N, C-alpha and C. Protein backbone atom coordinates (compact mmCIF):
# COMPACT_ATOMS: atom_id res chain seq x y z
N MET A 1 7.44 -2.04 -6.31
CA MET A 1 6.81 -0.87 -5.76
C MET A 1 7.10 0.29 -6.70
N GLU A 2 6.10 1.11 -6.92
CA GLU A 2 6.23 2.34 -7.70
C GLU A 2 5.86 3.51 -6.80
N THR A 3 6.65 4.57 -6.85
CA THR A 3 6.41 5.74 -6.02
C THR A 3 6.32 6.97 -6.91
N ASP A 4 5.29 7.78 -6.69
CA ASP A 4 5.12 9.05 -7.39
C ASP A 4 5.09 10.14 -6.33
N ILE A 5 6.23 10.79 -6.13
CA ILE A 5 6.36 11.79 -5.07
C ILE A 5 5.40 12.96 -5.28
N LYS A 6 5.22 13.42 -6.52
CA LYS A 6 4.34 14.56 -6.79
C LYS A 6 2.91 14.31 -6.33
N SER A 7 2.40 13.13 -6.63
CA SER A 7 1.01 12.82 -6.27
C SER A 7 0.91 12.20 -4.88
N GLY A 8 2.06 11.80 -4.32
CA GLY A 8 2.05 11.16 -3.00
C GLY A 8 1.53 9.74 -3.06
N GLN A 9 1.66 9.11 -4.21
CA GLN A 9 1.10 7.78 -4.41
C GLN A 9 2.19 6.71 -4.43
N VAL A 10 1.92 5.61 -3.75
CA VAL A 10 2.80 4.45 -3.78
C VAL A 10 1.96 3.25 -4.21
N VAL A 11 2.46 2.50 -5.17
CA VAL A 11 1.78 1.29 -5.63
C VAL A 11 2.66 0.11 -5.25
N LEU A 12 2.07 -0.82 -4.52
CA LEU A 12 2.80 -1.99 -4.05
C LEU A 12 2.28 -3.23 -4.76
N PHE A 13 3.20 -3.99 -5.32
CA PHE A 13 2.84 -5.23 -5.99
C PHE A 13 3.30 -6.40 -5.12
N VAL A 14 2.45 -7.40 -4.96
CA VAL A 14 2.83 -8.59 -4.20
C VAL A 14 2.72 -9.82 -5.09
N ARG A 15 3.43 -10.85 -4.71
CA ARG A 15 3.41 -12.09 -5.49
C ARG A 15 2.03 -12.73 -5.46
N GLU A 16 1.75 -13.47 -6.50
CA GLU A 16 0.50 -14.20 -6.58
C GLU A 16 0.37 -15.13 -5.38
N GLY A 17 -0.80 -15.14 -4.78
CA GLY A 17 -1.06 -15.98 -3.62
C GLY A 17 -0.78 -15.31 -2.29
N VAL A 18 -0.13 -14.14 -2.33
CA VAL A 18 0.17 -13.39 -1.10
C VAL A 18 -1.00 -12.46 -0.81
N THR A 19 -1.44 -12.43 0.42
CA THR A 19 -2.53 -11.52 0.78
C THR A 19 -2.01 -10.45 1.72
N LEU A 20 -2.61 -9.29 1.64
CA LEU A 20 -2.23 -8.15 2.47
C LEU A 20 -3.52 -7.46 2.88
N SER A 21 -3.82 -7.47 4.16
CA SER A 21 -5.05 -6.83 4.61
C SER A 21 -4.85 -5.33 4.73
N GLU A 22 -5.93 -4.60 4.58
CA GLU A 22 -5.86 -3.15 4.71
C GLU A 22 -5.38 -2.77 6.11
N GLU A 23 -5.85 -3.47 7.12
CA GLU A 23 -5.47 -3.17 8.49
C GLU A 23 -3.96 -3.31 8.71
N SER A 24 -3.38 -4.40 8.23
CA SER A 24 -1.94 -4.60 8.43
C SER A 24 -1.12 -3.60 7.62
N PHE A 25 -1.59 -3.26 6.44
CA PHE A 25 -0.89 -2.28 5.61
C PHE A 25 -0.98 -0.90 6.23
N ARG A 26 -2.16 -0.54 6.73
CA ARG A 26 -2.36 0.76 7.37
C ARG A 26 -1.44 0.90 8.59
N GLU A 27 -1.30 -0.17 9.36
CA GLU A 27 -0.44 -0.16 10.53
C GLU A 27 1.03 0.02 10.13
N ALA A 28 1.48 -0.69 9.10
CA ALA A 28 2.86 -0.58 8.65
C ALA A 28 3.17 0.82 8.14
N VAL A 29 2.23 1.41 7.40
CA VAL A 29 2.41 2.76 6.88
C VAL A 29 2.48 3.76 8.02
N SER A 30 1.62 3.60 9.00
CA SER A 30 1.60 4.48 10.17
C SER A 30 2.90 4.39 10.96
N LYS A 31 3.39 3.17 11.17
CA LYS A 31 4.64 2.98 11.90
C LYS A 31 5.82 3.62 11.17
N ALA A 32 5.72 3.73 9.84
CA ALA A 32 6.77 4.35 9.04
C ALA A 32 6.66 5.88 9.05
N GLY A 33 5.61 6.40 9.71
CA GLY A 33 5.45 7.85 9.83
C GLY A 33 4.64 8.49 8.72
N PHE A 34 3.87 7.68 8.00
CA PHE A 34 3.06 8.20 6.90
C PHE A 34 1.58 7.94 7.18
N THR A 35 0.73 8.50 6.35
CA THR A 35 -0.71 8.33 6.48
C THR A 35 -1.26 7.65 5.23
N LEU A 36 -1.98 6.57 5.42
CA LEU A 36 -2.61 5.86 4.31
C LEU A 36 -3.93 6.55 4.00
N ARG A 37 -4.06 7.07 2.79
CA ARG A 37 -5.29 7.76 2.40
C ARG A 37 -6.27 6.85 1.68
N ALA A 38 -5.74 5.83 1.02
CA ALA A 38 -6.63 4.91 0.29
C ALA A 38 -5.96 3.55 0.18
N PHE A 39 -6.76 2.53 0.10
CA PHE A 39 -6.27 1.16 -0.05
C PHE A 39 -7.17 0.49 -1.08
N ARG A 40 -6.56 0.00 -2.14
CA ARG A 40 -7.36 -0.65 -3.19
C ARG A 40 -6.63 -1.90 -3.65
N GLN A 41 -7.37 -2.97 -3.77
CA GLN A 41 -6.80 -4.22 -4.26
C GLN A 41 -7.35 -4.48 -5.65
N ASN A 42 -6.46 -4.76 -6.58
CA ASN A 42 -6.83 -5.11 -7.95
C ASN A 42 -6.64 -6.60 -8.14
N GLN A 43 -7.58 -7.22 -8.78
CA GLN A 43 -7.46 -8.63 -9.13
C GLN A 43 -7.17 -8.71 -10.62
N GLU A 44 -5.94 -8.97 -10.99
CA GLU A 44 -5.56 -9.02 -12.41
C GLU A 44 -5.28 -10.42 -12.84
């Protein structure tokens, strides 16, 4: 995970083969007291 406090951006890396839906991520972020502004998946 990479965090940039100035921009308010967090980048989360997951292992190959692991999936993370936007809905589940949005819920986890909300439960932590934050607001998810964008969700983007990169296929590298």
